[in-house]
N, C-alpha and C. Protein backbone atom coordinates (compact mmCIF):
# COMPACT_ATOMS: atom_id res chain seq x y z
N MET A 1 -11.36 -9.87 -7.64
CA MET A 1 -10.00 -9.85 -7.13
C MET A 1 -10.01 -10.27 -5.68
N ALA A 2 -9.03 -11.03 -5.26
CA ALA A 2 -8.93 -11.43 -3.86
C ALA A 2 -8.64 -10.21 -3.02
N GLY A 3 -8.89 -10.31 -1.73
CA GLY A 3 -8.58 -9.21 -0.84
C GLY A 3 -9.72 -8.23 -0.75
N GLY A 4 -10.93 -8.70 -0.81
CA GLY A 4 -12.09 -7.83 -0.79
C GLY A 4 -12.19 -6.93 0.42
N ASP A 5 -12.74 -7.42 1.51
CA ASP A 5 -13.02 -6.60 2.67
C ASP A 5 -11.76 -6.40 3.50
N PHE A 6 -11.46 -5.14 3.79
CA PHE A 6 -10.26 -4.78 4.54
C PHE A 6 -10.20 -5.50 5.88
N GLN A 7 -11.30 -5.65 6.55
CA GLN A 7 -11.34 -6.23 7.89
C GLN A 7 -11.60 -7.75 7.86
N ALA A 8 -11.53 -8.36 6.69
CA ALA A 8 -11.94 -9.76 6.55
C ALA A 8 -11.23 -10.69 7.53
N GLN A 9 -9.93 -10.54 7.68
CA GLN A 9 -9.17 -11.43 8.56
C GLN A 9 -8.57 -10.66 9.74
N GLY A 10 -9.07 -9.51 10.03
CA GLY A 10 -8.55 -8.70 11.14
C GLY A 10 -7.83 -7.48 10.61
N PRO A 11 -7.75 -6.44 11.44
CA PRO A 11 -7.11 -5.19 11.01
C PRO A 11 -5.60 -5.34 10.89
N LEU A 12 -5.02 -4.52 10.04
CA LEU A 12 -3.57 -4.51 9.88
C LEU A 12 -2.95 -3.59 10.93
N SER A 13 -1.82 -4.02 11.48
CA SER A 13 -1.11 -3.19 12.46
C SER A 13 -0.37 -2.07 11.74
N ASP A 14 0.08 -1.08 12.50
CA ASP A 14 0.87 0.01 11.92
C ASP A 14 2.12 -0.53 11.25
N ARG A 15 2.77 -1.51 11.87
CA ARG A 15 3.98 -2.10 11.29
C ARG A 15 3.66 -2.81 9.98
N GLU A 16 2.54 -3.53 9.94
CA GLU A 16 2.15 -4.21 8.71
C GLU A 16 1.88 -3.19 7.60
N LEU A 17 1.29 -2.07 7.93
CA LEU A 17 1.06 -1.02 6.94
C LEU A 17 2.38 -0.45 6.44
N GLN A 18 3.36 -0.31 7.34
CA GLN A 18 4.70 0.14 6.91
C GLN A 18 5.30 -0.86 5.93
N VAL A 19 5.17 -2.13 6.24
CA VAL A 19 5.72 -3.18 5.37
C VAL A 19 5.05 -3.13 4.00
N ILE A 20 3.74 -2.95 3.97
CA ILE A 20 3.03 -2.87 2.70
C ILE A 20 3.56 -1.69 1.87
N GLU A 21 3.77 -0.55 2.49
CA GLU A 21 4.30 0.61 1.77
C GLU A 21 5.66 0.30 1.15
N LEU A 22 6.50 -0.41 1.90
CA LEU A 22 7.83 -0.73 1.40
C LEU A 22 7.79 -1.81 0.31
N VAL A 23 6.87 -2.75 0.43
CA VAL A 23 6.67 -3.73 -0.64
C VAL A 23 6.24 -3.00 -1.90
N ALA A 24 5.29 -2.08 -1.76
CA ALA A 24 4.79 -1.33 -2.92
C ALA A 24 5.89 -0.47 -3.54
N ALA A 25 6.86 -0.05 -2.74
CA ALA A 25 7.98 0.75 -3.25
C ALA A 25 9.01 -0.13 -3.96
N GLY A 26 8.82 -1.45 -3.90
CA GLY A 26 9.69 -2.36 -4.63
C GLY A 26 10.84 -2.93 -3.83
N LEU A 27 10.84 -2.75 -2.51
CA LEU A 27 11.93 -3.27 -1.69
C LEU A 27 11.79 -4.78 -1.49
N THR A 28 12.93 -5.46 -1.39
CA THR A 28 12.95 -6.88 -1.05
C THR A 28 12.73 -7.03 0.45
N ASN A 29 12.49 -8.24 0.89
CA ASN A 29 12.33 -8.48 2.32
C ASN A 29 13.60 -8.09 3.08
N GLN A 30 14.76 -8.38 2.51
CA GLN A 30 16.02 -8.02 3.16
C GLN A 30 16.15 -6.49 3.28
N GLU A 31 15.79 -5.78 2.22
CA GLU A 31 15.86 -4.32 2.25
C GLU A 31 14.87 -3.73 3.25
N ILE A 32 13.69 -4.34 3.33
CA ILE A 32 12.69 -3.89 4.31
C ILE A 32 13.24 -4.10 5.72
N ALA A 33 13.84 -5.26 5.95
CA ALA A 33 14.42 -5.56 7.27
C ALA A 33 15.46 -4.51 7.66
N GLU A 34 16.33 -4.17 6.73
CA GLU A 34 17.37 -3.19 7.01
C GLU A 34 16.77 -1.81 7.28
N LYS A 35 15.78 -1.43 6.49
CA LYS A 35 15.16 -0.11 6.65
C LYS A 35 14.43 0.00 7.99
N LEU A 36 13.74 -1.06 8.38
CA LEU A 36 12.97 -1.04 9.63
C LEU A 36 13.78 -1.49 10.84
N GLU A 37 15.02 -1.91 10.59
CA GLU A 37 15.92 -2.38 11.64
C GLU A 37 15.33 -3.56 12.41
N ILE A 38 14.83 -4.52 11.61
CA ILE A 38 14.32 -5.78 12.17
C ILE A 38 14.93 -6.91 11.34
N SER A 39 14.76 -8.15 11.80
CA SER A 39 15.34 -9.27 11.06
C SER A 39 14.52 -9.58 9.81
N LYS A 40 15.17 -10.21 8.85
CA LYS A 40 14.48 -10.62 7.63
C LYS A 40 13.38 -11.63 7.97
N ARG A 41 13.66 -12.49 8.94
CA ARG A 41 12.65 -13.48 9.36
C ARG A 41 11.39 -12.78 9.88
N THR A 42 11.55 -11.69 10.61
CA THR A 42 10.40 -10.93 11.10
C THR A 42 9.62 -10.34 9.92
N VAL A 43 10.34 -9.84 8.93
CA VAL A 43 9.68 -9.31 7.72
C VAL A 43 8.93 -10.44 7.02
N ASP A 44 9.56 -11.60 6.89
CA ASP A 44 8.90 -12.76 6.28
C ASP A 44 7.59 -13.06 7.00
N ASN A 45 7.63 -13.03 8.34
CA ASN A 45 6.42 -13.29 9.13
C ASN A 45 5.36 -12.21 8.90
N HIS A 46 5.79 -10.94 8.86
CA HIS A 46 4.84 -9.85 8.59
C HIS A 46 4.18 -10.05 7.23
N ILE A 47 4.98 -10.37 6.21
CA ILE A 47 4.44 -10.57 4.86
C ILE A 47 3.43 -11.72 4.86
N SER A 48 3.76 -12.80 5.51
CA SER A 48 2.84 -13.94 5.58
C SER A 48 1.53 -13.55 6.25
N ASN A 49 1.62 -12.83 7.38
CA ASN A 49 0.42 -12.39 8.08
C ASN A 49 -0.40 -11.42 7.23
N ILE A 50 0.27 -10.53 6.53
CA ILE A 50 -0.41 -9.55 5.68
C ILE A 50 -1.15 -10.25 4.54
N LEU A 51 -0.48 -11.21 3.91
CA LEU A 51 -1.13 -11.94 2.81
C LEU A 51 -2.37 -12.67 3.30
N THR A 52 -2.29 -13.23 4.50
CA THR A 52 -3.44 -13.92 5.08
C THR A 52 -4.57 -12.94 5.36
N LYS A 53 -4.24 -11.83 6.03
CA LYS A 53 -5.26 -10.84 6.40
C LYS A 53 -5.92 -10.20 5.19
N THR A 54 -5.17 -9.98 4.14
CA THR A 54 -5.71 -9.32 2.95
C THR A 54 -6.25 -10.31 1.94
N GLU A 55 -6.09 -11.59 2.23
CA GLU A 55 -6.55 -12.66 1.36
C GLU A 55 -5.96 -12.51 -0.05
N THR A 56 -4.67 -12.16 -0.09
CA THR A 56 -3.94 -12.07 -1.36
C THR A 56 -2.93 -13.21 -1.41
N GLU A 57 -2.51 -13.55 -2.63
CA GLU A 57 -1.65 -14.72 -2.80
C GLU A 57 -0.17 -14.39 -2.98
N ASN A 58 0.14 -13.14 -3.34
CA ASN A 58 1.54 -12.80 -3.59
C ASN A 58 1.73 -11.28 -3.49
N ARG A 59 2.96 -10.83 -3.68
CA ARG A 59 3.28 -9.41 -3.52
C ARG A 59 2.56 -8.53 -4.54
N VAL A 60 2.43 -9.03 -5.76
CA VAL A 60 1.75 -8.24 -6.79
C VAL A 60 0.28 -8.04 -6.41
N ALA A 61 -0.37 -9.12 -6.02
CA ALA A 61 -1.77 -9.03 -5.59
C ALA A 61 -1.90 -8.13 -4.36
N LEU A 62 -0.92 -8.19 -3.47
CA LEU A 62 -0.94 -7.35 -2.28
C LEU A 62 -0.88 -5.87 -2.66
N VAL A 63 0.01 -5.52 -3.58
CA VAL A 63 0.12 -4.11 -4.00
C VAL A 63 -1.16 -3.67 -4.68
N ARG A 64 -1.74 -4.53 -5.50
CA ARG A 64 -3.03 -4.18 -6.13
C ARG A 64 -4.10 -3.96 -5.06
N TRP A 65 -4.14 -4.82 -4.06
CA TRP A 65 -5.08 -4.67 -2.95
C TRP A 65 -4.85 -3.35 -2.24
N ALA A 66 -3.59 -3.04 -1.95
CA ALA A 66 -3.26 -1.81 -1.23
C ALA A 66 -3.66 -0.57 -2.02
N LEU A 67 -3.48 -0.60 -3.33
CA LEU A 67 -3.91 0.51 -4.18
C LEU A 67 -5.42 0.63 -4.19
N GLN A 68 -6.10 -0.50 -4.30
CA GLN A 68 -7.56 -0.51 -4.34
C GLN A 68 -8.15 0.09 -3.07
N TRP A 69 -7.55 -0.21 -1.93
CA TRP A 69 -8.08 0.23 -0.64
C TRP A 69 -7.42 1.51 -0.13
N GLY A 70 -6.58 2.14 -0.97
CA GLY A 70 -5.99 3.42 -0.58
C GLY A 70 -4.97 3.33 0.54
N LYS A 71 -4.30 2.21 0.64
CA LYS A 71 -3.30 2.01 1.71
C LYS A 71 -1.93 2.51 1.31
N VAL A 72 -1.71 2.71 0.00
CA VAL A 72 -0.43 3.22 -0.48
C VAL A 72 -0.68 4.27 -1.55
N CYS A 73 0.30 5.13 -1.72
CA CYS A 73 0.26 6.16 -2.75
C CYS A 73 1.53 6.01 -3.57
N LEU A 74 1.39 5.69 -4.85
CA LEU A 74 2.55 5.50 -5.71
C LEU A 74 2.64 6.63 -6.72
N ASP A 75 3.72 7.40 -6.67
CA ASP A 75 3.94 8.48 -7.63
C ASP A 75 2.72 9.37 -7.76
N ASP A 76 2.17 9.80 -6.64
CA ASP A 76 1.00 10.68 -6.62
C ASP A 76 -0.22 10.08 -7.29
N VAL A 77 -0.31 8.75 -7.33
CA VAL A 77 -1.45 8.07 -7.92
C VAL A 77 -2.24 7.40 -6.82
N ASN A 78 -3.55 7.47 -6.89
CA ASN A 78 -4.48 6.72 -6.07
C ASN A 78 -4.93 7.44 -4.81
N CYS A 79 -4.04 7.94 -3.98
CA CYS A 79 -4.48 8.46 -2.70
C CYS A 79 -4.24 9.95 -2.53
N CYS A 80 -3.71 10.59 -3.51
CA CYS A 80 -3.43 12.01 -3.42
C CYS A 80 -4.59 12.79 -4.03
N PRO A 81 -5.03 13.84 -3.36
CA PRO A 81 -6.16 14.60 -3.90
C PRO A 81 -5.79 15.30 -5.20
N LEU A 82 -6.76 15.38 -6.08
CA LEU A 82 -6.54 16.09 -7.33
C LEU A 82 -6.56 17.59 -7.07
N PRO A 83 -5.76 18.34 -7.80
CA PRO A 83 -5.76 19.79 -7.61
C PRO A 83 -7.09 20.39 -8.06
N ASN A 84 -7.48 21.48 -7.40
CA ASN A 84 -8.68 22.18 -7.82
C ASN A 84 -8.36 22.99 -9.06
N VAL A 85 -9.09 22.74 -10.10
CA VAL A 85 -8.87 23.45 -11.36
C VAL A 85 -10.12 24.27 -11.65
N ASN A 86 -9.94 25.55 -11.87
CA ASN A 86 -11.05 26.42 -12.19
C ASN A 86 -11.25 26.39 -13.70
N ILE A 87 -12.28 25.69 -14.14
CA ILE A 87 -12.54 25.54 -15.57
C ILE A 87 -12.86 26.88 -16.21
N ASN A 88 -13.50 27.77 -15.47
CA ASN A 88 -13.92 29.06 -16.03
C ASN A 88 -12.78 30.08 -16.03
N LYS A 89 -11.62 29.73 -15.56
CA LYS A 89 -10.52 30.66 -15.44
C LYS A 89 -10.16 31.28 -16.79
N GLU A 90 -10.03 30.44 -17.83
CA GLU A 90 -9.68 30.94 -19.15
C GLU A 90 -10.79 31.82 -19.72
N ALA A 91 -12.01 31.46 -19.47
CA ALA A 91 -13.15 32.21 -20.03
C ALA A 91 -13.25 33.60 -19.41
N THR A 92 -12.85 33.73 -18.14
CA THR A 92 -12.98 35.03 -17.46
C THR A 92 -11.73 35.88 -17.57
N SER A 93 -10.63 35.32 -18.06
CA SER A 93 -9.38 36.09 -18.10
C SER A 93 -9.05 36.52 -19.52
N GLY A 94 -9.81 37.27 -20.14
CA GLY A 94 -9.38 37.66 -21.46
C GLY A 94 -10.32 38.46 -22.14
């Protein structure tokens, strides 16, 4: 899969990470612009820079990259710790 090494084309800025989170949430560039209170053209530029830095070709590949590298958490999947489950709990309670 493209987008191997996180630092391949330089580190992502905090703003770029925000944009990735919003892309992963399914927002359009216009919606991202409104949410971040920046122009759509600025969002377009951020997306272009992010795709270059992550060596991904499109938004779908970008979200896959972000999930692979733990940059986003979708519906408690990927980056959220699993709860501690005591397997012996049932055996000792009865």
